[in-house]
C-alpha cells in the first residue's frame, strides 16, 4: 500500500514527519520542564507561584502523553535502523540508551504525578483540568516520591546528554547524516544511505534508481 511521504509512517531510509515532530516537541518540552523543575524545587508552594507548579505539571503530563503517542507510532511505523559506521559497542550503547530513554520518558512524569498526588495538592493542568491522584496523601509517600522523581529526572537528563553527544559525534566527526535525517527526514548527500538499493539491471542501463523522498 502506497502512503504519502509527508504524512505516512517512516520510509526505509529516513525519519518521517510525524517521528520528527514528536522528537523535537519532546526535546523542547524536556528542556523546558527540566529548567522549570529545577527552579520550582527551591520554592515553597504559595498563591504567588502556584501557576509555576501548574505549568511544570502541565508540561510533564503533556510529555507523558507524547511519549505514549511516540511509542504507539513507532509500533505502527518502526523507525529506520542506524546508519552503518560506528563500532559494535557504540551501536549497542546507543540502542540501550534509546530503550532507557523510552522507559524514563514515562517514568519521570508518572513519578512526578504520584509525588504531586501524595502532597494532597490537586494536579491541575492547562489551568483548569484536574487529573486524578495516583498515590495516597501521605508524608511518607511524599518524601519517598520526591526523591524518586528527582533521581529519575537526573538519570533521564544524563541519558539525554549521552544521546546528544552521540548524535553530535556522528554529525561532526563522522558526517554520516544521522542528525540530518532527524532534521530533514533523510541522511542527505554523501551519507551513503540515501535512496533504495538499485535493482539488478539498473546499473549500466542509464536509469537512475528512485530517490527517497520521505
N, C-alpha and C. Protein backbone atom coordinates (compact mmCIF):
# COMPACT_ATOMS: atom_id res chain seq x y z
N UNK A 1 0.85 -1.19 0.00
CA UNK A 1 0.00 0.00 0.00
C UNK A 1 0.88 1.23 0.00
N UNK A 2 0.60 2.18 -0.90
CA UNK A 2 1.40 3.40 -1.02
C UNK A 2 0.86 4.46 -0.08
N UNK A 3 1.74 5.12 0.62
CA UNK A 3 1.36 6.18 1.56
C UNK A 3 2.08 7.46 1.19
N UNK A 4 1.40 8.60 1.44
CA UNK A 4 2.03 9.89 1.19
C UNK A 4 3.22 10.08 2.10
N UNK A 5 4.34 10.57 1.55
CA UNK A 5 5.60 10.64 2.30
C UNK A 5 5.54 11.63 3.45
N UNK A 6 4.72 12.70 3.30
CA UNK A 6 4.69 13.73 4.33
C UNK A 6 3.86 13.32 5.54
N UNK A 7 2.89 12.44 5.37
CA UNK A 7 2.02 12.09 6.48
C UNK A 7 2.06 10.62 6.81
N UNK A 8 2.76 9.84 6.02
CA UNK A 8 2.77 8.40 6.21
C UNK A 8 3.81 7.98 7.23
N UNK A 9 3.74 6.72 7.66
CA UNK A 9 4.80 6.19 8.51
C UNK A 9 6.16 6.30 7.84
N UNK A 10 7.19 6.12 8.63
CA UNK A 10 8.55 6.36 8.16
C UNK A 10 8.93 5.48 6.98
N UNK A 11 9.68 6.07 6.06
CA UNK A 11 10.22 5.32 4.94
C UNK A 11 11.43 4.54 5.41
N UNK A 12 11.96 3.70 4.53
CA UNK A 12 13.00 2.76 4.95
C UNK A 12 14.29 3.45 5.37
N UNK A 13 14.64 4.57 4.74
CA UNK A 13 15.95 5.17 4.98
C UNK A 13 15.93 6.43 5.83
N UNK A 14 14.80 7.03 6.04
CA UNK A 14 14.77 8.29 6.78
C UNK A 14 13.62 8.33 7.77
N UNK A 15 13.62 9.35 8.60
CA UNK A 15 12.55 9.52 9.57
C UNK A 15 11.41 10.33 8.96
N UNK A 16 10.18 9.87 9.15
CA UNK A 16 9.02 10.58 8.65
C UNK A 16 8.71 11.82 9.46
N UNK A 17 7.79 12.61 8.95
CA UNK A 17 7.48 13.89 9.59
C UNK A 17 6.92 13.71 10.99
N UNK A 18 6.05 12.73 11.16
CA UNK A 18 5.44 12.51 12.48
C UNK A 18 6.51 12.20 13.52
N UNK A 19 7.44 11.33 13.19
CA UNK A 19 8.52 10.99 14.12
C UNK A 19 9.35 12.21 14.46
N UNK A 20 9.65 13.02 13.45
CA UNK A 20 10.48 14.20 13.70
C UNK A 20 9.75 15.23 14.55
N UNK A 21 8.47 15.43 14.30
CA UNK A 21 7.70 16.38 15.10
C UNK A 21 7.64 15.93 16.56
N UNK A 22 7.37 14.65 16.78
CA UNK A 22 7.32 14.13 18.14
C UNK A 22 8.68 14.26 18.83
N UNK A 23 9.74 13.94 18.10
CA UNK A 23 11.09 14.00 18.67
C UNK A 23 11.43 15.41 19.15
N UNK A 24 11.23 16.40 18.27
CA UNK A 24 11.65 17.76 18.62
C UNK A 24 10.68 18.42 19.59
N UNK A 25 9.41 18.06 19.54
CA UNK A 25 8.47 18.58 20.53
C UNK A 25 8.84 18.08 21.93
N UNK A 26 9.20 16.80 22.02
CA UNK A 26 9.60 16.25 23.31
C UNK A 26 10.94 16.82 23.77
N UNK A 27 11.84 17.07 22.83
CA UNK A 27 13.13 17.66 23.19
C UNK A 27 12.93 19.05 23.80
N UNK A 28 12.08 19.87 23.14
CA UNK A 28 11.82 21.21 23.65
C UNK A 28 11.11 21.15 25.00
N UNK A 29 10.13 20.26 25.12
CA UNK A 29 9.40 20.13 26.37
C UNK A 29 10.27 19.65 27.51
N UNK A 30 11.18 18.72 27.20
CA UNK A 30 12.09 18.20 28.23
C UNK A 30 13.00 19.29 28.76
N UNK A 31 13.57 20.09 27.86
CA UNK A 31 14.43 21.19 28.30
C UNK A 31 13.65 22.19 29.15
N UNK A 32 12.44 22.51 28.69
CA UNK A 32 11.63 23.48 29.41
C UNK A 32 11.24 23.01 30.80
N UNK A 33 10.74 21.78 30.89
CA UNK A 33 10.28 21.29 32.19
C UNK A 33 11.44 20.98 33.13
N UNK A 34 12.62 20.63 32.57
CA UNK A 34 13.78 20.39 33.42
C UNK A 34 14.24 21.69 34.09
N UNK A 35 14.33 22.75 33.29
CA UNK A 35 14.70 24.04 33.86
C UNK A 35 13.68 24.55 34.85
N UNK A 36 12.41 24.41 34.49
CA UNK A 36 11.35 24.87 35.39
C UNK A 36 11.31 24.03 36.67
N UNK A 37 11.52 22.72 36.52
CA UNK A 37 11.53 21.85 37.69
C UNK A 37 12.64 22.20 38.66
N UNK A 38 13.83 22.49 38.12
CA UNK A 38 14.95 22.87 38.98
C UNK A 38 14.67 24.19 39.69
N UNK A 39 13.93 25.07 39.02
CA UNK A 39 13.61 26.37 39.60
C UNK A 39 12.58 26.24 40.72
N UNK A 40 11.50 25.52 40.47
CA UNK A 40 10.43 25.43 41.47
C UNK A 40 10.82 24.53 42.64
N UNK A 41 11.81 23.66 42.43
CA UNK A 41 12.23 22.77 43.51
C UNK A 41 12.78 23.54 44.70
N UNK A 42 13.23 24.77 44.47
CA UNK A 42 13.79 25.60 45.54
C UNK A 42 12.75 26.53 46.17
N UNK A 43 11.50 26.40 45.73
CA UNK A 43 10.46 27.32 46.18
C UNK A 43 9.44 26.60 47.08
N UNK A 44 8.85 27.37 47.97
CA UNK A 44 7.72 26.89 48.75
C UNK A 44 6.44 27.21 47.97
N UNK A 45 5.50 26.27 47.97
CA UNK A 45 4.26 26.50 47.24
C UNK A 45 3.47 27.62 47.90
N UNK A 46 3.05 28.58 47.09
CA UNK A 46 2.25 29.69 47.59
C UNK A 46 1.34 30.19 46.49
N UNK A 47 0.42 31.08 46.84
CA UNK A 47 -0.52 31.60 45.85
C UNK A 47 0.20 32.34 44.73
N UNK A 48 1.32 32.98 45.06
CA UNK A 48 2.02 33.76 44.05
C UNK A 48 2.76 32.93 43.01
N UNK A 49 3.13 31.70 43.37
CA UNK A 49 3.90 30.88 42.42
C UNK A 49 3.20 29.58 42.05
N UNK A 50 1.94 29.45 42.46
CA UNK A 50 1.23 28.20 42.19
C UNK A 50 1.14 27.91 40.70
N UNK A 51 1.07 28.99 39.90
CA UNK A 51 0.96 28.80 38.45
C UNK A 51 2.22 28.17 37.87
N UNK A 52 3.38 28.41 38.49
CA UNK A 52 4.62 27.80 38.01
C UNK A 52 4.59 26.29 38.23
N UNK A 53 4.10 25.87 39.39
CA UNK A 53 3.97 24.44 39.65
C UNK A 53 2.96 23.82 38.68
N UNK A 54 1.89 24.56 38.42
CA UNK A 54 0.90 24.07 37.46
C UNK A 54 1.46 23.94 36.07
N UNK A 55 2.31 24.90 35.68
CA UNK A 55 2.94 24.83 34.36
C UNK A 55 3.87 23.64 34.26
N UNK A 56 4.64 23.40 35.32
CA UNK A 56 5.54 22.24 35.35
C UNK A 56 4.75 20.94 35.21
N UNK A 57 3.63 20.85 35.92
CA UNK A 57 2.80 19.65 35.84
C UNK A 57 2.16 19.52 34.46
N UNK A 58 1.74 20.63 33.89
CA UNK A 58 1.13 20.60 32.56
C UNK A 58 2.10 20.08 31.52
N UNK A 59 3.32 20.59 31.55
CA UNK A 59 4.33 20.12 30.60
C UNK A 59 4.64 18.66 30.84
N UNK A 60 4.76 18.26 32.11
CA UNK A 60 5.08 16.88 32.43
C UNK A 60 4.03 15.90 31.94
N UNK A 61 2.75 16.18 32.20
CA UNK A 61 1.67 15.30 31.74
C UNK A 61 1.60 15.30 30.22
N UNK A 62 1.85 16.45 29.60
CA UNK A 62 1.86 16.52 28.13
C UNK A 62 2.98 15.67 27.56
N UNK A 63 4.15 15.69 28.21
CA UNK A 63 5.27 14.86 27.75
C UNK A 63 4.95 13.38 27.91
N UNK A 64 4.23 13.02 28.96
CA UNK A 64 3.82 11.62 29.12
C UNK A 64 2.91 11.21 27.97
N UNK A 65 1.95 12.07 27.63
CA UNK A 65 1.05 11.77 26.51
C UNK A 65 1.82 11.65 25.20
N UNK A 66 2.78 12.55 24.98
CA UNK A 66 3.59 12.48 23.76
C UNK A 66 4.45 11.23 23.73
N UNK A 67 4.97 10.83 24.89
CA UNK A 67 5.79 9.62 24.95
C UNK A 67 4.97 8.39 24.58
N UNK A 68 3.76 8.30 25.11
CA UNK A 68 2.89 7.16 24.79
C UNK A 68 2.50 7.19 23.31
N UNK A 69 2.23 8.39 22.79
CA UNK A 69 1.92 8.52 21.37
C UNK A 69 3.11 8.09 20.52
N UNK A 70 4.29 8.50 20.94
CA UNK A 70 5.50 8.16 20.19
C UNK A 70 5.75 6.65 20.20
N UNK A 71 5.55 6.01 21.34
CA UNK A 71 5.72 4.56 21.42
C UNK A 71 4.71 3.86 20.51
N UNK A 72 3.46 4.32 20.55
CA UNK A 72 2.44 3.73 19.69
C UNK A 72 2.73 3.95 18.22
N UNK A 73 3.20 5.14 17.88
CA UNK A 73 3.53 5.44 16.48
C UNK A 73 4.67 4.56 15.99
N UNK A 74 5.66 4.34 16.82
CA UNK A 74 6.79 3.51 16.43
C UNK A 74 6.39 2.06 16.24
N UNK A 75 5.33 1.64 16.93
CA UNK A 75 4.84 0.29 16.70
C UNK A 75 4.13 0.19 15.35
N UNK A 76 3.43 1.26 14.99
CA UNK A 76 2.77 1.28 13.69
C UNK A 76 3.75 1.52 12.56
N UNK A 77 4.74 2.35 12.81
CA UNK A 77 5.72 2.73 11.79
C UNK A 77 7.11 2.65 12.38
N UNK A 78 7.69 1.46 12.44
CA UNK A 78 9.03 1.32 13.03
C UNK A 78 10.04 2.25 12.37
N UNK A 79 10.85 2.95 13.17
CA UNK A 79 11.84 3.86 12.60
C UNK A 79 12.94 3.08 11.90
N UNK A 80 13.65 3.73 10.98
CA UNK A 80 14.75 3.04 10.30
C UNK A 80 15.88 2.71 11.25
N UNK A 81 16.65 1.73 10.89
CA UNK A 81 17.79 1.34 11.70
C UNK A 81 18.90 2.37 11.62
N UNK A 82 19.90 2.27 12.49
CA UNK A 82 21.01 3.22 12.48
C UNK A 82 21.85 3.08 11.22
N UNK A 83 22.45 4.18 10.82
CA UNK A 83 23.36 4.15 9.68
C UNK A 83 24.64 3.41 10.08
N UNK A 84 25.26 2.72 9.15
CA UNK A 84 26.48 1.97 9.48
C UNK A 84 27.66 2.90 9.74
N UNK A 85 28.66 2.38 10.40
CA UNK A 85 29.87 3.16 10.63
C UNK A 85 30.48 2.96 11.99
N UNK A 86 29.74 3.26 13.08
CA UNK A 86 30.34 3.13 14.42
C UNK A 86 30.65 1.68 14.77
N UNK A 87 31.58 1.47 15.70
CA UNK A 87 31.88 0.10 16.14
C UNK A 87 30.68 -0.53 16.84
N UNK A 88 30.71 -1.85 16.97
CA UNK A 88 29.58 -2.59 17.52
C UNK A 88 29.22 -2.13 18.94
N UNK A 89 30.24 -1.88 19.77
CA UNK A 89 29.95 -1.48 21.15
C UNK A 89 29.20 -0.16 21.20
N UNK A 90 29.53 0.74 20.27
CA UNK A 90 28.86 2.03 20.25
C UNK A 90 27.41 1.89 19.79
N UNK A 91 27.19 0.99 18.84
CA UNK A 91 25.83 0.73 18.38
C UNK A 91 24.99 0.14 19.51
N UNK A 92 25.59 -0.78 20.27
CA UNK A 92 24.87 -1.39 21.39
C UNK A 92 24.57 -0.36 22.48
N UNK A 93 25.53 0.53 22.73
CA UNK A 93 25.32 1.59 23.72
C UNK A 93 24.18 2.50 23.29
N UNK A 94 24.17 2.88 22.02
CA UNK A 94 23.10 3.75 21.51
C UNK A 94 21.74 3.06 21.62
N UNK A 95 21.71 1.77 21.30
CA UNK A 95 20.45 1.02 21.38
C UNK A 95 19.96 0.94 22.82
N UNK A 96 20.87 0.65 23.74
CA UNK A 96 20.48 0.60 25.15
C UNK A 96 20.04 1.94 25.68
N UNK A 97 20.72 3.01 25.24
CA UNK A 97 20.35 4.36 25.66
C UNK A 97 18.95 4.71 25.20
N UNK A 98 18.63 4.36 23.95
CA UNK A 98 17.30 4.63 23.42
C UNK A 98 16.22 3.91 24.23
N UNK A 99 16.47 2.65 24.55
CA UNK A 99 15.49 1.89 25.33
C UNK A 99 15.29 2.52 26.71
N UNK A 100 16.39 2.90 27.35
CA UNK A 100 16.29 3.52 28.67
C UNK A 100 15.58 4.87 28.60
N UNK A 101 15.82 5.62 27.52
CA UNK A 101 15.15 6.90 27.36
C UNK A 101 13.64 6.73 27.28
N UNK A 102 13.20 5.73 26.54
CA UNK A 102 11.76 5.50 26.41
C UNK A 102 11.14 5.13 27.76
N UNK A 103 11.85 4.32 28.54
CA UNK A 103 11.34 3.97 29.87
C UNK A 103 11.22 5.22 30.74
N UNK A 104 12.26 6.04 30.73
CA UNK A 104 12.28 7.22 31.58
C UNK A 104 11.35 8.32 31.08
N UNK A 105 11.08 8.36 29.77
CA UNK A 105 10.11 9.31 29.24
C UNK A 105 8.75 9.15 29.93
N UNK A 106 8.45 7.92 30.31
CA UNK A 106 7.19 7.64 31.01
C UNK A 106 7.36 7.68 32.53
N UNK A 107 8.48 7.14 33.01
CA UNK A 107 8.67 7.02 34.46
C UNK A 107 8.81 8.37 35.15
N UNK A 108 9.49 9.32 34.51
CA UNK A 108 9.71 10.62 35.15
C UNK A 108 8.38 11.36 35.37
N UNK A 109 7.54 11.55 34.34
CA UNK A 109 6.28 12.25 34.61
C UNK A 109 5.33 11.48 35.52
N UNK A 110 5.33 10.15 35.42
CA UNK A 110 4.45 9.37 36.30
C UNK A 110 4.88 9.52 37.76
N UNK A 111 6.19 9.50 38.01
CA UNK A 111 6.67 9.68 39.38
C UNK A 111 6.36 11.09 39.89
N UNK A 112 6.44 12.08 39.00
CA UNK A 112 6.07 13.44 39.39
C UNK A 112 4.59 13.56 39.69
N UNK A 113 3.78 12.90 38.88
CA UNK A 113 2.33 12.87 39.09
C UNK A 113 2.02 12.23 40.45
N UNK A 114 2.69 11.12 40.74
CA UNK A 114 2.48 10.44 42.02
C UNK A 114 2.94 11.32 43.19
N UNK A 115 4.06 11.99 43.01
CA UNK A 115 4.57 12.89 44.06
C UNK A 115 3.57 14.01 44.35
N UNK A 116 3.05 14.61 43.27
CA UNK A 116 2.06 15.66 43.46
C UNK A 116 0.82 15.15 44.16
N UNK A 117 0.42 13.92 43.83
CA UNK A 117 -0.75 13.32 44.47
C UNK A 117 -0.53 13.13 45.97
N UNK A 118 0.68 12.71 46.33
CA UNK A 118 0.98 12.44 47.74
C UNK A 118 0.99 13.71 48.59
N UNK A 119 1.20 14.87 47.96
CA UNK A 119 1.20 16.12 48.72
C UNK A 119 -0.21 16.55 49.11
N UNK A 120 -1.20 16.00 48.42
CA UNK A 120 -2.58 16.41 48.68
C UNK A 120 -3.01 17.61 47.88
N UNK A 121 -2.10 18.19 47.11
CA UNK A 121 -2.42 19.33 46.25
C UNK A 121 -2.90 18.80 44.91
N UNK A 122 -4.03 19.30 44.44
CA UNK A 122 -4.58 18.84 43.17
C UNK A 122 -3.59 19.07 42.03
N UNK A 123 -3.51 18.10 41.15
CA UNK A 123 -2.70 18.25 39.94
C UNK A 123 -3.60 18.84 38.86
N UNK A 124 -3.44 20.14 38.64
CA UNK A 124 -4.26 20.86 37.67
C UNK A 124 -3.40 21.20 36.46
N UNK A 125 -3.84 20.79 35.28
CA UNK A 125 -3.09 21.06 34.06
C UNK A 125 -3.90 21.99 33.16
N UNK A 126 -3.19 22.79 32.39
CA UNK A 126 -3.80 23.78 31.50
C UNK A 126 -4.71 24.75 32.26
N UNK A 127 -4.44 24.89 33.56
CA UNK A 127 -5.16 25.87 34.36
C UNK A 127 -6.58 25.50 34.73
N UNK A 128 -7.08 24.33 34.27
CA UNK A 128 -8.48 24.04 34.54
C UNK A 128 -8.82 22.56 34.65
N UNK A 129 -7.95 21.68 34.19
CA UNK A 129 -8.23 20.24 34.20
C UNK A 129 -7.53 19.61 35.39
N UNK A 130 -8.31 19.01 36.28
CA UNK A 130 -7.75 18.32 37.44
C UNK A 130 -7.62 16.83 37.12
N UNK A 131 -6.40 16.33 37.18
CA UNK A 131 -6.18 14.91 36.90
C UNK A 131 -6.31 14.13 38.21
N UNK A 132 -6.78 12.91 38.15
CA UNK A 132 -7.00 12.14 39.39
C UNK A 132 -5.69 11.78 40.07
N UNK A 133 -5.69 11.67 41.39
CA UNK A 133 -4.47 11.27 42.11
C UNK A 133 -4.15 9.81 41.85
N UNK A 134 -2.87 9.48 41.90
CA UNK A 134 -2.45 8.09 41.71
C UNK A 134 -1.62 7.59 42.89
N UNK A 135 -1.58 8.36 43.96
CA UNK A 135 -0.87 7.95 45.18
C UNK A 135 -1.63 8.50 46.38
N UNK A 136 -1.58 7.83 47.50
CA UNK A 136 -2.28 8.32 48.69
C UNK A 136 -1.60 9.55 49.28
N UNK A 137 -2.41 10.40 49.90
CA UNK A 137 -1.86 11.57 50.58
C UNK A 137 -1.16 11.10 51.85
N UNK A 138 0.15 11.27 51.87
CA UNK A 138 0.93 10.75 52.99
C UNK A 138 2.29 11.42 53.00
N UNK A 139 2.74 11.91 54.16
CA UNK A 139 4.08 12.49 54.25
C UNK A 139 5.17 11.49 53.89
N UNK A 140 4.97 10.24 54.26
CA UNK A 140 5.97 9.22 53.93
C UNK A 140 6.05 8.98 52.43
N UNK A 141 4.88 8.87 51.80
CA UNK A 141 4.86 8.70 50.35
C UNK A 141 5.46 9.93 49.66
N UNK A 142 5.10 11.10 50.16
CA UNK A 142 5.62 12.34 49.58
C UNK A 142 7.14 12.38 49.64
N UNK A 143 7.71 12.04 50.80
CA UNK A 143 9.16 12.07 50.97
C UNK A 143 9.85 11.07 50.05
N UNK A 144 9.26 9.89 49.90
CA UNK A 144 9.87 8.87 49.05
C UNK A 144 9.74 9.22 47.57
N UNK A 145 8.57 9.74 47.19
CA UNK A 145 8.32 10.01 45.77
C UNK A 145 9.08 11.22 45.26
N UNK A 146 9.33 12.21 46.11
CA UNK A 146 10.11 13.35 45.64
C UNK A 146 11.54 12.93 45.35
N UNK A 147 12.08 12.03 46.17
CA UNK A 147 13.43 11.51 45.91
C UNK A 147 13.44 10.69 44.62
N UNK A 148 12.41 9.85 44.45
CA UNK A 148 12.33 9.03 43.24
C UNK A 148 12.21 9.91 42.00
N UNK A 149 11.33 10.89 42.05
CA UNK A 149 11.11 11.76 40.89
C UNK A 149 12.38 12.51 40.50
N UNK A 150 13.06 13.08 41.48
CA UNK A 150 14.28 13.83 41.17
C UNK A 150 15.40 12.92 40.69
N UNK A 151 15.49 11.73 41.27
CA UNK A 151 16.53 10.78 40.84
C UNK A 151 16.30 10.34 39.40
N UNK A 152 15.05 10.01 39.08
CA UNK A 152 14.73 9.60 37.71
C UNK A 152 14.96 10.75 36.73
N UNK A 153 14.63 11.97 37.16
CA UNK A 153 14.82 13.13 36.28
C UNK A 153 16.30 13.33 35.97
N UNK A 154 17.17 13.19 36.98
CA UNK A 154 18.60 13.35 36.74
C UNK A 154 19.14 12.22 35.86
N UNK A 155 18.64 11.01 36.06
CA UNK A 155 19.04 9.90 35.20
C UNK A 155 18.63 10.17 33.76
N UNK A 156 17.42 10.68 33.59
CA UNK A 156 16.93 10.97 32.25
C UNK A 156 17.78 12.04 31.57
N UNK A 157 18.11 13.10 32.31
CA UNK A 157 18.92 14.17 31.73
C UNK A 157 20.32 13.68 31.39
N UNK A 158 20.87 12.78 32.20
CA UNK A 158 22.18 12.21 31.89
C UNK A 158 22.14 11.41 30.60
N UNK A 159 21.07 10.64 30.40
CA UNK A 159 20.94 9.87 29.17
C UNK A 159 20.68 10.77 27.97
N UNK A 160 19.94 11.85 28.18
CA UNK A 160 19.73 12.82 27.10
C UNK A 160 21.07 13.42 26.68
N UNK A 161 21.91 13.76 27.66
CA UNK A 161 23.23 14.31 27.35
C UNK A 161 24.07 13.29 26.57
N UNK A 162 24.00 12.03 26.96
CA UNK A 162 24.72 10.98 26.25
C UNK A 162 24.20 10.83 24.83
N UNK A 163 22.89 10.90 24.67
CA UNK A 163 22.26 10.81 23.36
C UNK A 163 22.69 11.97 22.46
N UNK A 164 22.69 13.18 23.01
CA UNK A 164 23.11 14.36 22.25
C UNK A 164 24.58 14.25 21.86
N UNK A 165 25.42 13.80 22.79
CA UNK A 165 26.84 13.65 22.50
C UNK A 165 27.06 12.66 21.36
N UNK A 166 26.32 11.56 21.38
CA UNK A 166 26.45 10.58 20.31
C UNK A 166 26.01 11.14 18.97
N UNK A 167 24.91 11.90 18.96
CA UNK A 167 24.43 12.50 17.72
C UNK A 167 25.43 13.52 17.17
N UNK A 168 26.00 14.33 18.06
CA UNK A 168 26.98 15.33 17.61
C UNK A 168 28.27 14.67 17.13
N UNK A 169 28.66 13.58 17.78
CA UNK A 169 29.87 12.87 17.35
C UNK A 169 29.71 12.35 15.93
N UNK A 170 28.53 11.82 15.63
CA UNK A 170 28.30 11.30 14.29
C UNK A 170 28.15 12.42 13.27
N UNK A 171 27.60 13.55 13.71
CA UNK A 171 27.42 14.67 12.79
C UNK A 171 28.72 15.40 12.50
N UNK A 172 29.54 15.62 13.55
CA UNK A 172 30.75 16.44 13.41
C UNK A 172 31.95 15.62 12.97
N UNK A 173 32.11 14.43 13.53
CA UNK A 173 33.30 13.63 13.23
C UNK A 173 33.09 12.63 12.09
N UNK A 174 31.91 12.05 12.03
CA UNK A 174 31.68 11.02 11.01
C UNK A 174 30.96 11.55 9.78
N UNK A 175 30.21 12.65 9.94
CA UNK A 175 29.47 13.24 8.82
C UNK A 175 28.61 12.19 8.12
N UNK A 176 27.91 11.36 8.90
CA UNK A 176 27.19 10.24 8.29
C UNK A 176 25.71 10.51 8.04
N UNK A 177 25.22 11.70 8.36
CA UNK A 177 23.83 12.03 8.06
C UNK A 177 22.82 11.64 9.11
N UNK A 178 23.26 11.09 10.25
CA UNK A 178 22.31 10.68 11.28
C UNK A 178 21.49 11.86 11.79
N UNK A 179 22.15 12.97 12.11
CA UNK A 179 21.44 14.14 12.60
C UNK A 179 20.59 14.76 11.49
N UNK A 180 21.11 14.74 10.28
CA UNK A 180 20.38 15.34 9.16
C UNK A 180 19.04 14.66 8.93
N UNK A 181 19.00 13.35 9.06
CA UNK A 181 17.72 12.69 8.77
C UNK A 181 16.70 12.90 9.88
N UNK A 182 17.14 13.29 11.09
CA UNK A 182 16.16 13.68 12.11
C UNK A 182 15.72 15.12 11.92
N UNK A 183 16.53 15.91 11.22
CA UNK A 183 16.16 17.29 10.92
C UNK A 183 15.36 17.39 9.63
N UNK A 184 15.80 16.67 8.60
CA UNK A 184 15.20 16.81 7.28
C UNK A 184 14.51 15.56 6.77
N UNK A 185 14.65 14.44 7.46
CA UNK A 185 13.95 13.24 7.05
C UNK A 185 14.77 12.25 6.26
N UNK A 186 15.97 12.63 5.83
CA UNK A 186 16.82 11.72 5.07
C UNK A 186 18.27 12.03 5.39
N UNK A 187 19.18 11.07 5.26
CA UNK A 187 20.58 11.30 5.59
C UNK A 187 21.23 12.41 4.79
N UNK A 188 20.81 12.60 3.54
CA UNK A 188 21.41 13.64 2.72
C UNK A 188 22.57 13.13 1.89
N UNK A 189 23.03 13.96 1.00
CA UNK A 189 24.10 13.59 0.08
C UNK A 189 25.37 13.25 0.83
N UNK A 190 26.02 12.19 0.39
CA UNK A 190 27.29 11.81 0.97
C UNK A 190 27.17 10.89 2.14
N UNK A 191 25.93 10.61 2.60
CA UNK A 191 25.77 9.75 3.76
C UNK A 191 25.85 8.29 3.40
N UNK A 192 25.69 7.99 2.13
CA UNK A 192 25.82 6.61 1.70
C UNK A 192 24.60 5.76 1.96
N UNK A 193 23.48 6.38 2.37
CA UNK A 193 22.29 5.60 2.66
C UNK A 193 21.04 6.22 2.06
N UNK A 194 21.16 7.14 1.13
CA UNK A 194 20.00 7.80 0.57
C UNK A 194 19.47 6.97 -0.58
N UNK A 195 18.16 6.73 -0.56
CA UNK A 195 17.55 6.01 -1.65
C UNK A 195 17.68 4.52 -1.51
N UNK A 196 16.80 3.76 -2.19
CA UNK A 196 16.85 2.32 -2.11
C UNK A 196 18.01 1.74 -2.87
N UNK A 197 18.33 0.50 -2.59
CA UNK A 197 19.40 -0.19 -3.30
C UNK A 197 18.99 -0.38 -4.75
N UNK A 198 19.84 -0.04 -5.73
CA UNK A 198 19.47 -0.20 -7.13
C UNK A 198 19.10 -1.64 -7.44
N UNK A 199 18.09 -1.81 -8.28
CA UNK A 199 17.70 -3.13 -8.72
C UNK A 199 18.68 -3.66 -9.77
N UNK A 200 18.71 -4.97 -9.86
CA UNK A 200 19.55 -5.58 -10.88
C UNK A 200 19.10 -5.10 -12.24
N UNK A 201 20.01 -4.66 -13.06
CA UNK A 201 19.68 -4.18 -14.39
C UNK A 201 19.69 -2.68 -14.47
N UNK A 202 19.59 -2.00 -13.33
CA UNK A 202 19.67 -0.54 -13.35
C UNK A 202 21.06 -0.07 -13.71
N UNK A 203 22.08 -0.77 -13.15
CA UNK A 203 23.46 -0.39 -13.44
C UNK A 203 23.75 -0.61 -14.91
N UNK A 204 24.28 0.40 -15.52
CA UNK A 204 24.66 0.29 -16.91
C UNK A 204 23.50 0.48 -17.86
N UNK A 205 22.27 0.67 -17.35
CA UNK A 205 21.12 0.82 -18.23
C UNK A 205 20.81 2.28 -18.49
N UNK A 206 21.51 3.17 -17.76
CA UNK A 206 21.24 4.59 -17.92
C UNK A 206 20.10 5.07 -17.06
N UNK A 207 19.45 4.16 -16.32
CA UNK A 207 18.35 4.55 -15.46
C UNK A 207 18.85 4.81 -14.05
N UNK A 208 18.32 5.83 -13.41
CA UNK A 208 18.68 6.12 -12.03
C UNK A 208 17.62 5.54 -11.12
N UNK A 209 18.03 4.94 -10.00
CA UNK A 209 17.05 4.40 -9.06
C UNK A 209 16.23 5.53 -8.46
N UNK A 210 14.97 5.26 -8.08
CA UNK A 210 14.15 6.30 -7.48
C UNK A 210 14.74 6.78 -6.17
N UNK A 211 14.56 8.06 -5.88
CA UNK A 211 15.12 8.64 -4.66
C UNK A 211 14.14 8.51 -3.52
N UNK A 212 14.67 8.57 -2.31
CA UNK A 212 13.85 8.52 -1.11
C UNK A 212 13.36 9.93 -0.81
N UNK A 213 12.05 10.16 -0.92
CA UNK A 213 11.50 11.50 -0.73
C UNK A 213 10.90 11.70 0.64
N UNK A 214 11.07 10.75 1.54
CA UNK A 214 10.47 10.89 2.87
C UNK A 214 11.14 11.99 3.67
